[in-house]
Amino acid sequence: METENQKREYVIDATGKRLGRIATEAASVLVGKDSPDFAKNMIAEVTVKIENASKMDIPENKKGNTYQSYSGYPGGLRSETLDHLGKRLGYAEVLRRTISGMLPKNKLRKPTLHNLVISE
């Protein structure tokens, strides 16, 4: 007997909510912690959609937080503030990087992020 796994859809409205609250909720659902068939070694059958990412509440003191990337070469450390990154690539990218930092650091991180859809 075969069972079919239907891909669930989880929608989060970001209007007026804080960045961290949205990110923790999305990361928890992406990992599959909210479902009864949770397994650490499996990607959850869920699509998380975040709407109105540009309308989320970011306080002034958090806009100075830095996002860093390292190329692997000497002197290759690049850092950028949250406010600058939001203006350059949009607040959807800020949200995507924040959620990525909350996921487990293993081979499933990148495939799990494919289940995340963010709309400005």
Protein backbone atom coordinates (compact mmCIF):
# COMPACT_ATOMS: atom_id res chain seq x y z
CA MET A 1 0.00 0.00 0.00
CA GLU A 2 1.41 3.38 -1.02
CA THR A 3 0.73 6.66 0.69
CA GLU A 4 0.85 9.95 -1.12
CA ASN A 5 2.53 12.90 0.50
CA GLN A 6 0.79 16.11 -0.40
CA LYS A 7 2.95 19.21 -0.22
CA ARG A 8 1.45 21.52 2.39
CA GLU A 9 1.43 25.28 1.97
CA TYR A 10 2.06 27.61 4.90
CA VAL A 11 1.44 31.36 4.44
CA ILE A 12 2.91 34.06 6.71
CA ASP A 13 1.84 37.70 6.41
CA ALA A 14 4.80 39.89 7.41
CA THR A 15 2.89 43.17 7.70
CA GLY A 16 3.85 44.85 10.99
CA LYS A 17 5.74 41.82 12.37
CA ARG A 18 9.37 41.78 13.51
CA LEU A 19 12.07 40.22 11.33
CA GLY A 20 13.17 37.64 13.90
CA ARG A 21 9.63 36.48 14.71
CA ILE A 22 8.87 35.87 11.05
CA ALA A 23 12.20 34.11 10.47
CA THR A 24 11.89 31.74 13.45
CA GLU A 25 8.36 30.75 12.49
CA ALA A 26 9.37 30.11 8.88
CA ALA A 27 12.53 28.17 9.83
CA SER A 28 10.61 25.95 12.23
CA VAL A 29 8.01 25.09 9.59
CA LEU A 30 10.65 24.56 6.85
CA VAL A 31 12.51 22.05 9.01
CA GLY A 32 9.22 20.27 9.72
CA LYS A 33 9.03 20.72 13.48
CA ASP A 34 5.29 21.41 13.31
CA SER A 35 4.36 18.10 11.67
CA PRO A 36 3.90 14.76 13.46
CA ASP A 37 6.12 12.89 10.97
CA PHE A 38 9.20 15.04 11.71
CA ALA A 39 12.58 13.49 10.89
CA LYS A 40 15.91 15.30 11.03
CA ASN A 41 17.24 13.61 7.91
CA MET A 42 14.26 14.41 5.67
CA ILE A 43 13.16 17.59 3.94
CA ALA A 44 9.66 18.52 5.04
CA GLU A 45 6.94 18.42 2.39
CA VAL A 46 5.92 22.04 2.94
CA THR A 47 6.11 25.29 1.01
CA VAL A 48 6.41 28.45 3.10
CA LYS A 49 5.14 31.64 1.46
CA ILE A 50 5.92 34.97 3.09
CA GLU A 51 3.90 37.92 1.84
CA ASN A 52 4.53 41.67 2.24
CA ALA A 53 8.20 41.34 3.20
CA SER A 54 8.84 45.03 2.59
CA LYS A 55 6.18 45.97 5.18
CA MET A 56 7.76 44.16 8.13
CA ASP A 57 8.74 46.11 11.22
CA ILE A 58 12.49 46.66 11.58
CA PRO A 59 13.53 48.99 14.43
CA GLU A 60 16.18 51.66 13.84
CA ASN A 61 18.79 50.05 16.11
CA LYS A 62 18.57 46.75 14.15
CA LYS A 63 19.19 48.41 10.78
CA GLY A 64 22.91 48.55 11.64
CA ASN A 65 23.24 44.75 11.95
CA THR A 66 25.85 43.36 9.55
CA TYR A 67 25.64 40.50 7.09
CA GLN A 68 29.03 39.05 6.19
CA SER A 69 30.28 36.86 3.35
CA TYR A 70 33.75 35.44 2.84
CA SER A 71 35.13 34.56 -0.59
CA GLY A 72 37.87 32.29 0.76
CA TYR A 73 40.68 34.55 -0.40
CA PRO A 74 42.85 36.73 1.85
CA GLY A 75 41.08 40.03 2.34
CA GLY A 76 37.87 38.55 0.96
CA LEU A 77 35.61 39.34 3.92
CA ARG A 78 32.73 41.55 2.81
CA SER A 79 30.28 43.05 5.27
CA GLU A 80 27.13 45.04 4.67
CA THR A 81 24.47 46.51 6.95
CA LEU A 82 20.88 45.28 7.00
CA ASP A 83 19.60 48.64 5.79
CA HIS A 84 22.02 48.76 2.84
CA LEU A 85 21.28 45.15 1.86
CA GLY A 86 17.54 45.86 2.02
CA LYS A 87 17.88 48.82 -0.30
CA ARG A 88 20.26 47.03 -2.67
CA LEU A 89 18.59 43.60 -3.04
CA GLY A 90 15.24 44.09 -1.29
CA TYR A 91 13.96 42.98 2.09
CA ALA A 92 13.13 39.56 0.67
CA GLU A 93 16.88 38.84 0.51
CA VAL A 94 17.32 40.06 4.11
CA LEU A 95 14.60 37.66 5.19
CA ARG A 96 16.06 34.80 3.13
CA ARG A 97 19.53 35.25 4.69
CA THR A 98 18.08 35.47 8.20
CA ILE A 99 16.07 32.25 7.73
CA SER A 100 19.11 30.53 6.20
CA GLY A 101 21.11 31.32 9.32
CA MET A 102 18.46 29.63 11.46
CA LEU A 103 18.43 26.36 9.53
CA PRO A 104 20.72 23.42 10.41
CA LYS A 105 24.18 23.71 8.87
CA ASN A 106 24.18 20.52 6.77
CA LYS A 107 23.53 19.25 3.23
CA LEU A 108 19.79 19.81 3.58
CA ARG A 109 20.03 23.58 4.06
CA LYS A 110 20.12 24.55 0.38
CA PRO A 111 17.35 22.14 -0.76
CA THR A 112 15.22 23.27 2.19
CA LEU A 113 15.53 26.92 1.12
CA HIS A 114 14.05 26.00 -2.28
CA ASN A 115 10.74 25.52 -0.42
CA LEU A 116 10.76 29.18 0.66
CA VAL A 117 8.88 31.75 -1.45
CA ILE A 118 9.07 35.42 -0.45
CA SER A 119 7.09 38.22 -2.08
CA GLU A 120 7.70 41.90 -1.47
